[in-house]
């Protein structure tokens, strides 16, 4: 049986070995040899002021996760706006993210957009998740139509689930749909991070005390180094929820910093 031609272009080194795999986890292959050695990349170190202690990280093994900066949470006409909540806390991360994301990209740190993007039939969503968005059966609920624009609440490829216009997504960025408050449940996020050989995760987005926190705590339990970027997070919850989140991250789950401190660390 004739061998099938490669479906994707591959690059070959001087020894004629082709690379397979995307990210840091790669092999080199030829008809007679498979090289599994994967020499480590030279570290790119940055020292960043944080609480409870200053941290030094390897930018080559770091990623920025942006959680749920979507129209339903952060834009006029979205679900949170329909609920009558003040949008300003949800929109507060936009400006610092506009400053920080290009600086991280310039150092090679991947940007991962971790967003609700539910199936139209909601077949993978249990009542425990659906209830959060429709507590008495009279709300819109996940997949329901928003008054005014008819967009489907947090449904994949809808206006509701799209990242707000003010934040630019580039082709090299990584997009991961999530279906729970934590972005690690039933998603490929952990597999992607392992292939990238990422060990340190910056967390940003909304809501600080909900999807950001619980994605961060699951990352902590999986063994990742977790850094919450305080000014790049927002929540409509009472302020004691934000304060409790910051305290718990510093005490149990990782470190807390902000945009200015990261930018200073990158510059140094």
C-alpha atoms as a PDB file:
ATOM      1  CA  UNK A   1       0.000   0.000   0.000  1.00  0.00           C
ATOM      2  CA  UNK A   2       1.476   3.336  -1.023  1.00  0.00           C
ATOM      3  CA  UNK A   3       2.312   5.747   1.789  1.00  0.00           C
ATOM      4  CA  UNK A   4      -0.027   8.717   2.060  1.00  0.00           C
ATOM      5  CA  UNK A   5       1.459  12.139   1.396  1.00  0.00           C
ATOM      6  CA  UNK A   6       1.800  14.546   4.303  1.00  0.00           C
ATOM      7  CA  UNK A   7      -1.295  16.682   4.812  1.00  0.00           C
ATOM      8  CA  UNK A   8       0.705  19.541   6.327  1.00  0.00           C
ATOM      9  CA  UNK A   9       4.027  21.084   5.373  1.00  0.00           C
ATOM     10  CA  UNK A  10       6.914  20.022   7.597  1.00  0.00           C
ATOM     11  CA  UNK A  11      10.343  21.533   8.076  1.00  0.00           C
ATOM     12  CA  UNK A  12      13.488  19.447   8.038  1.00  0.00           C
ATOM     13  CA  UNK A  13      16.820  20.075   9.712  1.00  0.00           C
ATOM     14  CA  UNK A  14      20.268  19.620   8.174  1.00  0.00           C
ATOM     15  CA  UNK A  15      20.143  15.891   8.911  1.00  0.00           C
ATOM     16  CA  UNK A  16      16.880  15.516   7.012  1.00  0.00           C
ATOM     17  CA  UNK A  17      14.814  15.042  10.196  1.00  0.00           C
ATOM     18  CA  UNK A  18      11.266  16.401  10.117  1.00  0.00           C
ATOM     19  CA  UNK A  19       9.689  17.945  13.212  1.00  0.00           C
ATOM     20  CA  UNK A  20       6.302  16.704  14.392  1.00  0.00           C
ATOM     21  CA  UNK A  21       4.365  18.221  17.243  1.00  0.00           C
ATOM     22  CA  UNK A  22       3.466  21.824  18.009  1.00  0.00           C
ATOM     23  CA  UNK A  23       5.025  23.734  20.858  1.00  0.00           C
ATOM     24  CA  UNK A  24       7.835  22.558  23.105  1.00  0.00           C
ATOM     25  CA  UNK A  25       6.840  18.876  22.998  1.00  0.00           C
ATOM     26  CA  UNK A  26       8.178  17.756  19.617  1.00  0.00           C
ATOM     27  CA  UNK A  27       9.896  14.798  17.992  1.00  0.00           C
ATOM     28  CA  UNK A  28      12.199  14.685  14.986  1.00  0.00           C
ATOM     29  CA  UNK A  29      11.563  11.832  12.603  1.00  0.00           C
ATOM     30  CA  UNK A  30      13.005  10.273   9.469  1.00  0.00           C
ATOM     31  CA  UNK A  31      12.291   6.936   7.757  1.00  0.00           C
ATOM     32  CA  UNK A  32      14.954   5.286   9.930  1.00  0.00           C
ATOM     33  CA  UNK A  33      15.199   7.356  13.114  1.00  0.00           C
ATOM     34  CA  UNK A  34      13.042   9.076  15.746  1.00  0.00           C
ATOM     35  CA  UNK A  35      14.768  11.643  17.973  1.00  0.00           C
ATOM     36  CA  UNK A  36      12.931  11.972  21.313  1.00  0.00           C
ATOM     37  CA  UNK A  37      15.597  14.060  23.060  1.00  0.00           C
ATOM     38  CA  UNK A  38      13.899  17.489  22.929  1.00  0.00           C
ATOM     39  CA  UNK A  39      16.805  19.697  24.079  1.00  0.00           C
ATOM     40  CA  UNK A  40      15.519  22.290  26.576  1.00  0.00           C
ATOM     41  CA  UNK A  41      15.102  25.878  25.431  1.00  0.00           C
ATOM     42  CA  UNK A  42      17.386  28.512  26.912  1.00  0.00           C
ATOM     43  CA  UNK A  43      15.450  30.157  29.788  1.00  0.00           C
ATOM     44  CA  UNK A  44      14.344  33.774  29.493  1.00  0.00           C
ATOM     45  CA  UNK A  45      14.098  34.986  33.073  1.00  0.00           C
ATOM     46  CA  UNK A  46      12.010  37.847  34.447  1.00  0.00           C
ATOM     47  CA  UNK A  47      11.857  38.904  38.087  1.00  0.00           C
ATOM     48  CA  UNK A  48       8.482  40.378  39.032  1.00  0.00           C
ATOM     49  CA  UNK A  49       7.413  42.075  42.242  1.00  0.00           C
ATOM     50  CA  UNK A  50       4.458  40.196  43.695  1.00  0.00           C
ATOM     51  CA  UNK A  51       2.793  39.223  46.955  1.00  0.00           C
ATOM     52  CA  UNK A  52       3.552  37.456  49.221  1.00  0.00           C
ATOM     53  CA  UNK A  53       7.039  37.352  47.639  1.00  0.00           C
ATOM     54  CA  UNK A  54       8.912  38.516  44.559  1.00  0.00           C
ATOM     55  CA  UNK A  55       9.016  35.822  41.890  1.00  0.00           C
ATOM     56  CA  UNK A  56      11.416  34.911  39.088  1.00  0.00           C
ATOM     57  CA  UNK A  57       9.832  33.112  36.144  1.00  0.00           C
ATOM     58  CA  UNK A  58      10.945  31.624  32.836  1.00  0.00           C
ATOM     59  CA  UNK A  59       9.046  33.444  30.114  1.00  0.00           C
ATOM     60  CA  UNK A  60       9.744  30.502  27.790  1.00  0.00           C
ATOM     61  CA  UNK A  61       7.579  28.339  30.065  1.00  0.00           C
ATOM     62  CA  UNK A  62       4.839  30.861  30.851  1.00  0.00           C
ATOM     63  CA  UNK A  63       1.429  31.734  29.395  1.00  0.00           C
ATOM     64  CA  UNK A  64      -1.224  34.383  29.948  1.00  0.00           C
ATOM     65  CA  UNK A  65      -4.793  33.125  30.366  1.00  0.00           C
ATOM     66  CA  UNK A  66      -7.547  35.663  29.679  1.00  0.00           C
ATOM     67  CA  UNK A  67     -10.843  34.422  31.103  1.00  0.00           C
ATOM     68  CA  UNK A  68     -14.306  35.350  29.803  1.00  0.00           C
ATOM     69  CA  UNK A  69     -13.699  38.864  28.494  1.00  0.00           C
ATOM     70  CA  UNK A  70     -16.849  38.328  26.429  1.00  0.00           C
ATOM     71  CA  UNK A  71     -19.739  40.481  25.289  1.00  0.00           C
ATOM     72  CA  UNK A  72     -22.216  38.765  27.609  1.00  0.00           C
ATOM     73  CA  UNK A  73     -20.166  39.874  30.613  1.00  0.00           C
ATOM     74  CA  UNK A  74     -18.402  43.030  29.479  1.00  0.00           C
ATOM     75  CA  UNK A  75     -20.367  44.757  26.696  1.00  0.00           C
ATOM     76  CA  UNK A  76     -23.520  46.867  26.583  1.00  0.00           C
ATOM     77  CA  UNK A  77     -26.395  44.672  25.427  1.00  0.00           C
ATOM     78  CA  UNK A  78     -24.901  41.512  26.921  1.00  0.00           C
ATOM     79  CA  UNK A  79     -26.294  39.280  29.640  1.00  0.00           C
ATOM     80  CA  UNK A  80     -24.811  41.148  32.620  1.00  0.00           C
ATOM     81  CA  UNK A  81     -26.089  44.425  31.184  1.00  0.00           C
ATOM     82  CA  UNK A  82     -29.532  42.835  30.732  1.00  0.00           C
ATOM     83  CA  UNK A  83     -29.454  41.805  34.400  1.00  0.00           C
ATOM     84  CA  UNK A  84     -29.047  45.477  35.298  1.00  0.00           C
ATOM     85  CA  UNK A  85     -25.596  45.143  36.850  1.00  0.00           C
ATOM     86  CA  UNK A  86     -22.919  47.825  36.694  1.00  0.00           C
ATOM     87  CA  UNK A  87     -20.635  46.928  33.783  1.00  0.00           C
ATOM     88  CA  UNK A  88     -17.710  49.080  34.889  1.00  0.00           C
ATOM     89  CA  UNK A  89     -16.034  46.385  37.071  1.00  0.00           C
ATOM     90  CA  UNK A  90     -16.279  43.905  34.191  1.00  0.00           C
ATOM     91  CA  UNK A  91     -14.800  46.396  31.747  1.00  0.00           C
ATOM     92  CA  UNK A  92     -12.025  47.583  34.084  1.00  0.00           C
ATOM     93  CA  UNK A  93      -9.533  44.914  32.860  1.00  0.00           C
ATOM     94  CA  UNK A  94      -9.758  46.101  29.245  1.00  0.00           C
ATOM     95  CA  UNK A  95      -7.253  48.984  29.429  1.00  0.00           C
ATOM     96  CA  UNK A  96      -4.543  47.161  31.403  1.00  0.00           C
ATOM     97  CA  UNK A  97      -4.925  44.132  29.114  1.00  0.00           C
ATOM     98  CA  UNK A  98      -4.541  46.399  26.075  1.00  0.00           C
ATOM     99  CA  UNK A  99      -1.191  47.419  27.533  1.00  0.00           C
ATOM    100  CA  UNK A 100       0.011  44.077  28.890  1.00  0.00           C
ATOM    101  CA  UNK A 101      -0.906  41.587  26.158  1.00  0.00           C
ATOM    102  CA  UNK A 102       1.295  43.137  23.423  1.00  0.00           C
ATOM    103  CA  UNK A 103       4.229  43.275  25.865  1.00  0.00           C
ATOM    104  CA  UNK A 104       3.837  39.594  26.730  1.00  0.00           C
ATOM    105  CA  UNK A 105       3.483  38.613  23.069  1.00  0.00           C
ATOM    106  CA  UNK A 106       6.698  40.505  22.314  1.00  0.00           C
ATOM    107  CA  UNK A 107       8.567  38.226  24.742  1.00  0.00           C
ATOM    108  CA  UNK A 108       7.040  35.078  23.213  1.00  0.00           C
ATOM    109  CA  UNK A 109       4.533  34.423  26.007  1.00  0.00           C
ATOM    110  CA  UNK A 110       1.435  32.795  24.430  1.00  0.00           C
ATOM    111  CA  UNK A 111      -1.972  34.385  25.031  1.00  0.00           C
ATOM    112  CA  UNK A 112      -4.755  31.898  25.756  1.00  0.00           C
ATOM    113  CA  UNK A 113      -8.358  33.096  25.469  1.00  0.00           C
ATOM    114  CA  UNK A 114     -10.397  30.880  27.786  1.00  0.00           C
ATOM    115  CA  UNK A 115     -14.069  31.596  27.121  1.00  0.00           C
ATOM    116  CA  UNK A 116     -17.532  30.155  27.533  1.00  0.00           C
ATOM    117  CA  UNK A 117     -18.450  28.659  24.153  1.00  0.00           C
ATOM    118  CA  UNK A 118     -21.318  26.239  24.700  1.00  0.00           C
ATOM    119  CA  UNK A 119     -22.859  23.763  22.291  1.00  0.00           C
ATOM    120  CA  UNK A 120     -26.149  24.931  20.820  1.00  0.00           C
ATOM    121  CA  UNK A 121     -27.863  21.785  22.128  1.00  0.00           C
ATOM    122  CA  UNK A 122     -26.257  22.091  25.616  1.00  0.00           C
ATOM    123  CA  UNK A 123     -25.960  18.298  25.748  1.00  0.00           C
ATOM    124  CA  UNK A 124     -22.801  18.425  27.874  1.00  0.00           C
ATOM    125  CA  UNK A 125     -24.205  20.819  30.502  1.00  0.00           C
ATOM    126  CA  UNK A 126     -25.644  19.420  33.742  1.00  0.00           C
ATOM    127  CA  UNK A 127     -28.370  21.194  35.751  1.00  0.00           C
ATOM    128  CA  UNK A 128     -25.719  22.335  38.232  1.00  0.00           C
ATOM    129  CA  UNK A 129     -24.246  24.549  35.494  1.00  0.00           C
ATOM    130  CA  UNK A 130     -27.507  25.579  33.826  1.00  0.00           C
ATOM    131  CA  UNK A 131     -29.014  26.635  37.160  1.00  0.00           C
ATOM    132  CA  UNK A 132     -26.405  29.353  37.694  1.00  0.00           C
ATOM    133  CA  UNK A 133     -27.748  31.245  34.673  1.00  0.00           C
ATOM    134  CA  UNK A 134     -31.466  30.589  35.223  1.00  0.00           C
ATOM    135  CA  UNK A 135     -32.186  30.151  38.913  1.00  0.00           C
ATOM    136  CA  UNK A 136     -35.985  30.302  38.856  1.00  0.00           C
ATOM    137  CA  UNK A 137     -36.749  29.056  35.350  1.00  0.00           C
ATOM    138  CA  UNK A 138     -37.809  32.522  34.208  1.00  0.00           C
ATOM    139  CA  UNK A 139     -34.432  33.832  33.080  1.00  0.00           C
ATOM    140  CA  UNK A 140     -32.781  33.660  29.690  1.00  0.00           C
ATOM    141  CA  UNK A 141     -30.499  30.741  30.519  1.00  0.00           C
ATOM    142  CA  UNK A 142     -27.501  29.464  28.564  1.00  0.00           C
ATOM    143  CA  UNK A 143     -28.389  29.419  24.872  1.00  0.00           C
ATOM    144  CA  UNK A 144     -31.430  31.650  25.356  1.00  0.00           C
ATOM    145  CA  UNK A 145     -31.970  34.719  23.172  1.00  0.00           C
ATOM    146  CA  UNK A 146     -31.005  38.098  24.547  1.00  0.00           C
ATOM    147  CA  UNK A 147     -33.671  40.782  24.171  1.00  0.00           C
ATOM    148  CA  UNK A 148     -32.708  43.431  21.665  1.00  0.00           C
ATOM    149  CA  UNK A 149     -30.129  41.558  19.602  1.00  0.00           C
ATOM    150  CA  UNK A 150     -31.308  37.937  19.651  1.00  0.00           C
ATOM    151  CA  UNK A 151     -27.799  36.622  20.411  1.00  0.00           C
ATOM    152  CA  UNK A 152     -27.703  33.292  22.228  1.00  0.00           C
ATOM    153  CA  UNK A 153     -26.305  33.507  25.741  1.00  0.00           C
ATOM    154  CA  UNK A 154     -22.689  32.202  25.804  1.00  0.00           C
ATOM    155  CA  UNK A 155     -23.264  29.971  22.780  1.00  0.00           C
ATOM    156  CA  UNK A 156     -20.203  29.192  20.652  1.00  0.00           C
ATOM    157  CA  UNK A 157     -19.807  31.513  17.635  1.00  0.00           C
ATOM    158  CA  UNK A 158     -22.538  33.878  18.872  1.00  0.00           C
ATOM    159  CA  UNK A 159     -22.082  37.596  19.524  1.00  0.00           C
ATOM    160  CA  UNK A 160     -22.694  36.844  23.192  1.00  0.00           C
ATOM    161  CA  UNK A 161     -19.678  34.533  23.466  1.00  0.00           C
ATOM    162  CA  UNK A 162     -17.332  36.726  21.392  1.00  0.00           C
ATOM    163  CA  UNK A 163     -14.461  38.586  23.037  1.00  0.00           C
ATOM    164  CA  UNK A 164     -15.168  42.316  23.358  1.00  0.00           C
ATOM    165  CA  UNK A 165     -14.086  44.401  20.386  1.00  0.00           C
ATOM    166  CA  UNK A 166     -11.623  46.405  22.458  1.00  0.00           C
ATOM    167  CA  UNK A 167      -9.332  43.390  22.945  1.00  0.00           C
ATOM    168  CA  UNK A 168      -7.449  42.228  19.865  1.00  0.00           C
ATOM    169  CA  UNK A 169      -7.045  38.514  19.250  1.00  0.00           C
ATOM    170  CA  UNK A 170      -4.139  37.643  16.974  1.00  0.00           C
ATOM    171  CA  UNK A 171      -3.827  34.531  14.769  1.00  0.00           C
ATOM    172  CA  UNK A 172      -1.039  33.130  16.936  1.00  0.00           C
ATOM    173  CA  UNK A 173      -3.174  33.368  20.082  1.00  0.00           C
ATOM    174  CA  UNK A 174      -4.775  30.182  21.396  1.00  0.00           C
ATOM    175  CA  UNK A 175      -8.539  29.899  21.899  1.00  0.00           C
ATOM    176  CA  UNK A 176     -10.115  27.377  24.270  1.00  0.00           C
ATOM    177  CA  UNK A 177     -13.861  26.959  24.826  1.00  0.00           C
ATOM    178  CA  UNK A 178     -14.960  26.145  28.353  1.00  0.00           C
ATOM    179  CA  UNK A 179     -18.220  24.743  29.694  1.00  0.00           C
ATOM    180  CA  UNK A 180     -17.885  25.184  33.441  1.00  0.00           C
ATOM    181  CA  UNK A 181     -16.760  27.917  35.813  1.00  0.00           C
ATOM    182  CA  UNK A 182     -13.338  26.231  35.758  1.00  0.00           C
ATOM    183  CA  UNK A 183     -11.633  26.180  32.385  1.00  0.00           C
ATOM    184  CA  UNK A 184      -9.933  22.841  33.024  1.00  0.00           C
ATOM    185  CA  UNK A 185     -13.061  20.649  33.112  1.00  0.00           C
ATOM    186  CA  UNK A 186     -13.894  18.832  29.865  1.00  0.00           C
ATOM    187  CA  UNK A 187     -11.530  21.048  27.833  1.00  0.00           C
ATOM    188  CA  UNK A 188      -8.129  20.592  26.120  1.00  0.00           C
ATOM    189  CA  UNK A 189      -6.512  23.379  28.173  1.00  0.00           C
ATOM    190  CA  UNK A 190      -4.261  21.125  30.268  1.00  0.00           C
ATOM    191  CA  UNK A 191      -3.128  19.154  27.205  1.00  0.00           C
ATOM    192  CA  UNK A 192      -2.293  22.365  25.333  1.00  0.00           C
ATOM    193  CA  UNK A 193      -0.261  23.706  28.252  1.00  0.00           C
ATOM    194  CA  UNK A 194       1.643  20.432  28.582  1.00  0.00           C
ATOM    195  CA  UNK A 195       2.499  20.446  24.868  1.00  0.00           C
ATOM    196  CA  UNK A 196       3.759  24.015  25.249  1.00  0.00           C
ATOM    197  CA  UNK A 197       5.798  22.935  28.301  1.00  0.00           C
ATOM    198  CA  UNK A 198       4.208  25.758  30.300  1.00  0.00           C
ATOM    199  CA  UNK A 199       4.718  25.821  34.062  1.00  0.00           C
ATOM    200  CA  UNK A 200       3.748  29.390  35.052  1.00  0.00           C
ATOM    201  CA  UNK A 201       0.296  30.816  34.318  1.00  0.00           C
ATOM    202  CA  UNK A 202      -0.777  34.443  34.562  1.00  0.00           C
ATOM    203  CA  UNK A 203      -4.529  34.775  35.141  1.00  0.00           C
ATOM    204  CA  UNK A 204      -6.739  37.689  34.117  1.00  0.00           C
ATOM    205  CA  UNK A 205     -10.361  38.359  33.153  1.00  0.00           C
ATOM    206  CA  UNK A 206     -13.772  38.055  34.811  1.00  0.00           C
ATOM    207  CA  UNK A 207     -15.093  37.278  37.277  1.00  0.00           C
ATOM    208  CA  UNK A 208     -12.194  37.486  39.731  1.00  0.00           C
ATOM    209  CA  UNK A 209     -13.907  35.358  42.379  1.00  0.00           C
ATOM    210  CA  UNK A 210     -15.601  32.903  40.026  1.00  0.00           C
ATOM    211  CA  UNK A 211     -14.242  31.713  36.677  1.00  0.00           C
ATOM    212  CA  UNK A 212     -10.813  33.303  37.167  1.00  0.00           C
ATOM    213  CA  UNK A 213     -10.365  31.972  40.694  1.00  0.00           C
ATOM    214  CA  UNK A 214     -11.589  28.454  40.006  1.00  0.00           C
ATOM    215  CA  UNK A 215      -9.558  28.093  36.823  1.00  0.00           C
ATOM    216  CA  UNK A 216      -6.580  29.258  38.874  1.00  0.00           C
ATOM    217  CA  UNK A 217      -7.234  26.843  41.745  1.00  0.00           C
ATOM    218  CA  UNK A 218      -7.592  23.901  39.363  1.00  0.00           C
ATOM    219  CA  UNK A 219      -4.318  24.944  37.723  1.00  0.00           C
ATOM    220  CA  UNK A 220      -2.720  25.002  41.168  1.00  0.00           C
ATOM    221  CA  UNK A 221      -3.994  21.505  41.940  1.00  0.00           C
ATOM    222  CA  UNK A 222      -2.540  20.317  38.604  1.00  0.00           C
ATOM    223  CA  UNK A 223       0.888  21.634  39.590  1.00  0.00           C
ATOM    224  CA  UNK A 224       1.109  24.921  37.673  1.00  0.00           C
ATOM    225  CA  UNK A 225       2.652  28.066  39.158  1.00  0.00           C
ATOM    226  CA  UNK A 226      -0.228  30.554  39.384  1.00  0.00           C
ATOM    227  CA  UNK A 227       0.010  34.352  39.245  1.00  0.00           C
ATOM    228  CA  UNK A 228      -3.126  36.508  39.478  1.00  0.00           C
ATOM    229  CA  UNK A 229      -2.798  39.864  37.687  1.00  0.00           C
ATOM    230  CA  UNK A 230      -5.000  41.957  39.956  1.00  0.00           C
ATOM    231  CA  UNK A 231      -5.717  45.005  37.789  1.00  0.00           C
ATOM    232  CA  UNK A 232      -6.447  42.751  34.788  1.00  0.00           C
ATOM    233  CA  UNK A 233      -9.311  41.102  36.707  1.00  0.00           C
ATOM    234  CA  UNK A 234     -12.801  42.353  37.547  1.00  0.00           C
ATOM    235  CA  UNK A 235     -16.010  41.231  39.208  1.00  0.00           C
ATOM    236  CA  UNK A 236     -19.529  42.466  39.866  1.00  0.00           C
ATOM    237  CA  UNK A 237     -19.550  40.588  43.180  1.00  0.00           C
ATOM    238  CA  UNK A 238     -19.346  42.505  46.484  1.00  0.00           C
ATOM    239  CA  UNK A 239     -15.866  43.757  47.279  1.00  0.00           C
ATOM    240  CA  UNK A 240     -15.413  41.257  50.099  1.00  0.00           C
ATOM    241  CA  UNK A 241     -15.459  38.518  47.409  1.00  0.00           C
ATOM    242  CA  UNK A 242     -12.557  40.167  45.596  1.00  0.00           C
ATOM    243  CA  UNK A 243     -10.672  40.661  48.863  1.00  0.00           C
ATOM    244  CA  UNK A 244     -11.195  37.027  49.859  1.00  0.00           C
ATOM    245  CA  UNK A 245      -9.957  35.879  46.447  1.00  0.00           C
ATOM    246  CA  UNK A 246      -6.769  37.928  46.690  1.00  0.00           C
ATOM    247  CA  UNK A 247      -6.139  36.718  50.238  1.00  0.00           C
ATOM    248  CA  UNK A 248      -6.658  33.077  49.330  1.00  0.00           C
ATOM    249  CA  UNK A 249      -4.484  33.244  46.214  1.00  0.00           C
ATOM    250  CA  UNK A 250      -1.638  34.798  48.230  1.00  0.00           C
ATOM    251  CA  UNK A 251      -2.098  32.416  51.140  1.00  0.00           C
ATOM    252  CA  UNK A 252      -2.854  29.115  49.395  1.00  0.00           C
ATOM    253  CA  UNK A 253      -2.655  29.116  45.606  1.00  0.00           C
ATOM    254  CA  UNK A 254       0.103  31.350  44.275  1.00  0.00           C
ATOM    255  CA  UNK A 255       1.006  34.994  43.851  1.00  0.00           C
ATOM    256  CA  UNK A 256      -0.648  38.336  43.109  1.00  0.00           C
ATOM    257  CA  UNK A 257       0.882  41.079  40.964  1.00  0.00           C
ATOM    258  CA  UNK A 258      -0.253  43.811  38.582  1.00  0.00           C
ATOM    259  CA  UNK A 259       0.456  45.188  35.128  1.00  0.00           C
ATOM    260  CA  UNK A 260       3.033  47.777  36.220  1.00  0.00           C
ATOM    261  CA  UNK A 261       5.048  45.179  38.125  1.00  0.00           C
ATOM    262  CA  UNK A 262       5.006  42.740  35.210  1.00  0.00           C
ATOM    263  CA  UNK A 263       6.047  45.469  32.766  1.00  0.00           C
ATOM    264  CA  UNK A 264       8.939  46.418  35.050  1.00  0.00           C
ATOM    265  CA  UNK A 265       9.974  42.778  35.232  1.00  0.00           C
ATOM    266  CA  UNK A 266       9.873  42.416  31.456  1.00  0.00           C
ATOM    267  CA  UNK A 267      11.913  45.588  30.989  1.00  0.00           C
ATOM    268  CA  UNK A 268      14.612  44.391  33.348  1.00  0.00           C
END
